[in-house]
């Protein structure tokens, strides 16, 4: 699906325009004049249409006139998990958008699970707490582990998908 953006001029005597590429934006922005015939230079960039994950990414990077071209390039190149990494890194962990950085460069742990309890069960299954003899597995208090995990991990929903993450 293509992404549709809108350039809303800060000049109230000018009319904005829709665009899908940086080239399209440049062509339309250069041709735009206000009611007095003067060129329009400053725009608010608005996300209009696209995938829900792309809308969430646009919000997390604070889409604007300076970064929309990088946004469009990254959206076309990144897969859904990379977009999720960036959304969490920028929106939740406090990182700044660096168009030269790969999403994997941010130090974040992400798990696609519904609840902290599911994450606790996953960690026990993976042996994160050491080997657990089979006869003791029924004694594990997953709710207590989940409460402990909630100290370092947080939950988020992005484009309808639930994730649990930790900023490192």
Protein backbone atom coordinates (compact mmCIF):
# COMPACT_ATOMS: atom_id res chain seq x y z
CA UNK A 1 0.00 0.00 0.00
CA UNK A 2 1.24 3.45 -0.80
CA UNK A 3 1.48 6.15 1.81
CA UNK A 4 -0.35 9.39 1.32
CA UNK A 5 0.83 12.52 3.12
CA UNK A 6 -0.54 16.06 3.17
CA UNK A 7 1.49 19.27 3.26
CA UNK A 8 -0.54 21.85 5.18
CA UNK A 9 0.97 25.34 4.73
CA UNK A 10 1.42 27.47 7.82
CA UNK A 11 0.47 30.38 5.56
CA UNK A 12 -3.32 30.54 5.87
CA UNK A 13 -3.69 32.13 2.42
CA UNK A 14 -2.25 29.05 0.69
CA UNK A 15 -3.83 25.68 -0.03
CA UNK A 16 -2.06 22.45 0.89
CA UNK A 17 -1.53 19.39 -1.26
CA UNK A 18 -1.35 15.60 -1.10
CA UNK A 19 1.82 13.74 -2.04
CA UNK A 20 3.32 10.25 -1.94
CA UNK A 21 7.01 10.81 -2.70
CA UNK A 22 9.69 13.34 -1.83
CA UNK A 23 9.95 14.27 -5.52
CA UNK A 24 6.19 14.87 -5.72
CA UNK A 25 6.42 17.06 -2.61
CA UNK A 26 9.34 19.09 -4.00
CA UNK A 27 7.56 19.72 -7.30
CA UNK A 28 4.29 20.80 -5.66
CA UNK A 29 5.96 22.83 -2.89
CA UNK A 30 8.11 24.75 -5.38
CA UNK A 31 5.06 25.62 -7.48
CA UNK A 32 2.83 26.65 -4.57
CA UNK A 33 2.07 30.34 -4.07
CA UNK A 34 -0.07 32.06 -1.45
CA UNK A 35 -2.90 34.51 -2.20
CA UNK A 36 -0.32 37.31 -2.70
CA UNK A 37 1.79 35.35 -5.18
CA UNK A 38 4.60 34.71 -2.70
CA UNK A 39 6.23 31.27 -2.41
CA UNK A 40 5.16 29.10 0.53
CA UNK A 41 8.07 27.66 2.48
CA UNK A 42 6.79 26.06 5.71
CA UNK A 43 4.43 23.12 5.97
CA UNK A 44 2.99 20.82 8.57
CA UNK A 45 3.25 17.26 7.23
CA UNK A 46 0.27 15.04 8.03
CA UNK A 47 -0.02 11.28 7.63
CA UNK A 48 -3.24 10.67 5.68
CA UNK A 49 -3.35 7.07 4.48
CA UNK A 50 -1.29 3.91 4.76
CA UNK A 51 -0.81 0.86 6.96
CA UNK A 52 -1.51 1.23 10.68
CA UNK A 53 2.11 0.38 11.52
CA UNK A 54 3.28 3.20 9.22
CA UNK A 55 0.91 5.67 10.89
CA UNK A 56 2.32 4.66 14.29
CA UNK A 57 5.87 5.13 12.97
CA UNK A 58 4.97 8.59 11.63
CA UNK A 59 3.65 9.58 15.08
CA UNK A 60 6.72 8.23 16.86
CA UNK A 61 9.19 10.18 14.72
CA UNK A 62 7.08 13.35 14.88
CA UNK A 63 6.75 13.51 11.12
CA UNK A 64 7.66 16.97 9.81
CA UNK A 65 9.01 18.86 6.84
CA UNK A 66 12.60 17.92 7.68
CA UNK A 67 12.21 14.17 8.14
CA UNK A 68 9.34 13.03 5.91
CA UNK A 69 11.68 12.02 3.05
CA UNK A 70 13.69 9.81 5.43
CA UNK A 71 10.41 8.43 6.77
CA UNK A 72 9.16 7.51 3.28
CA UNK A 73 12.47 5.85 2.42
CA UNK A 74 12.59 3.81 5.65
CA UNK A 75 8.94 2.75 5.45
CA UNK A 76 9.57 1.29 2.01
CA UNK A 77 12.70 -0.54 3.20
CA UNK A 78 11.94 -1.76 6.73
CA UNK A 79 9.88 -4.82 7.58
CA UNK A 80 7.15 -4.77 10.23
CA UNK A 81 9.46 -5.84 13.09
CA UNK A 82 12.00 -3.11 12.25
CA UNK A 83 9.20 -0.54 12.25
CA UNK A 84 8.03 -1.87 15.62
CA UNK A 85 11.57 -1.55 16.99
CA UNK A 86 11.73 2.08 15.90
CA UNK A 87 8.28 2.92 17.25
CA UNK A 88 9.23 1.57 20.67
CA UNK A 89 12.72 3.11 20.60
CA UNK A 90 11.44 6.57 19.70
CA UNK A 91 8.06 6.65 21.36
CA UNK A 92 8.72 4.71 24.54
CA UNK A 93 12.45 4.56 25.21
CA UNK A 94 13.29 8.19 24.49
CA UNK A 95 15.68 7.75 21.57
CA UNK A 96 15.88 10.42 18.88
CA UNK A 97 15.18 9.58 15.24
CA UNK A 98 18.45 9.04 13.42
CA UNK A 99 17.78 8.23 9.76
CA UNK A 100 21.23 6.64 9.44
CA UNK A 101 20.65 4.19 12.31
CA UNK A 102 19.26 0.72 11.76
CA UNK A 103 16.42 -0.32 14.09
CA UNK A 104 18.59 -3.14 15.45
CA UNK A 105 21.10 -0.59 16.78
CA UNK A 106 18.71 0.44 19.55
CA UNK A 107 19.12 -1.63 22.70
CA UNK A 108 15.58 -2.92 23.20
CA UNK A 109 14.18 -6.35 24.04
CA UNK A 110 10.83 -7.02 22.32
CA UNK A 111 8.53 -10.00 22.72
CA UNK A 112 5.25 -10.47 20.88
CA UNK A 113 3.14 -11.84 23.72
CA UNK A 114 -0.23 -10.86 25.10
CA UNK A 115 0.58 -10.68 28.83
CA UNK A 116 3.41 -10.58 31.33
CA UNK A 117 2.33 -14.03 32.48
CA UNK A 118 2.89 -15.41 28.97
CA UNK A 119 6.34 -13.83 28.99
CA UNK A 120 7.05 -15.42 32.37
CA UNK A 121 6.02 -18.82 31.00
CA UNK A 122 8.19 -18.27 27.92
CA UNK A 123 11.21 -17.35 30.05
CA UNK A 124 10.77 -20.46 32.22
CA UNK A 125 10.39 -22.67 29.11
CA UNK A 126 13.56 -21.18 27.63
CA UNK A 127 15.48 -21.82 30.84
CA UNK A 128 16.12 -18.19 31.69
CA UNK A 129 15.81 -19.04 35.38
CA UNK A 130 17.96 -22.16 35.13
CA UNK A 131 17.00 -25.79 34.71
CA UNK A 132 13.70 -26.63 36.33
CA UNK A 133 13.15 -30.29 37.25
CA UNK A 134 9.89 -31.60 35.82
CA UNK A 135 8.47 -32.55 39.22
CA UNK A 136 8.84 -28.92 40.42
CA UNK A 137 7.33 -27.19 37.38
CA UNK A 138 3.83 -27.34 38.83
CA UNK A 139 5.06 -25.30 41.81
CA UNK A 140 6.10 -22.28 39.75
CA UNK A 141 4.17 -19.11 40.51
CA UNK A 142 4.02 -17.52 37.04
CA UNK A 143 1.97 -14.60 38.35
CA UNK A 144 4.74 -13.70 40.80
CA UNK A 145 7.33 -13.92 38.03
CA UNK A 146 5.09 -11.75 35.84
CA UNK A 147 4.89 -9.10 38.59
CA UNK A 148 8.69 -9.13 38.88
CA UNK A 149 9.06 -8.80 35.11
CA UNK A 150 6.73 -5.79 35.14
CA UNK A 151 9.46 -3.86 36.97
CA UNK A 152 11.71 -3.93 33.88
CA UNK A 153 9.24 -4.62 31.08
CA UNK A 154 6.25 -2.67 29.75
CA UNK A 155 3.33 -3.53 27.50
CA UNK A 156 2.29 -1.74 24.31
CA UNK A 157 -0.14 -2.25 21.45
CA UNK A 158 1.08 -1.21 18.01
CA UNK A 159 -1.20 -1.53 14.98
CA UNK A 160 -3.38 -4.00 16.87
CA UNK A 161 -0.49 -6.25 17.96
CA UNK A 162 0.54 -6.65 21.62
CA UNK A 163 4.21 -6.45 22.58
CA UNK A 164 6.18 -6.52 25.78
CA UNK A 165 9.46 -4.62 25.72
CA UNK A 166 12.34 -3.44 27.84
CA UNK A 167 14.51 -0.43 27.11
CA UNK A 168 18.12 -1.16 27.99
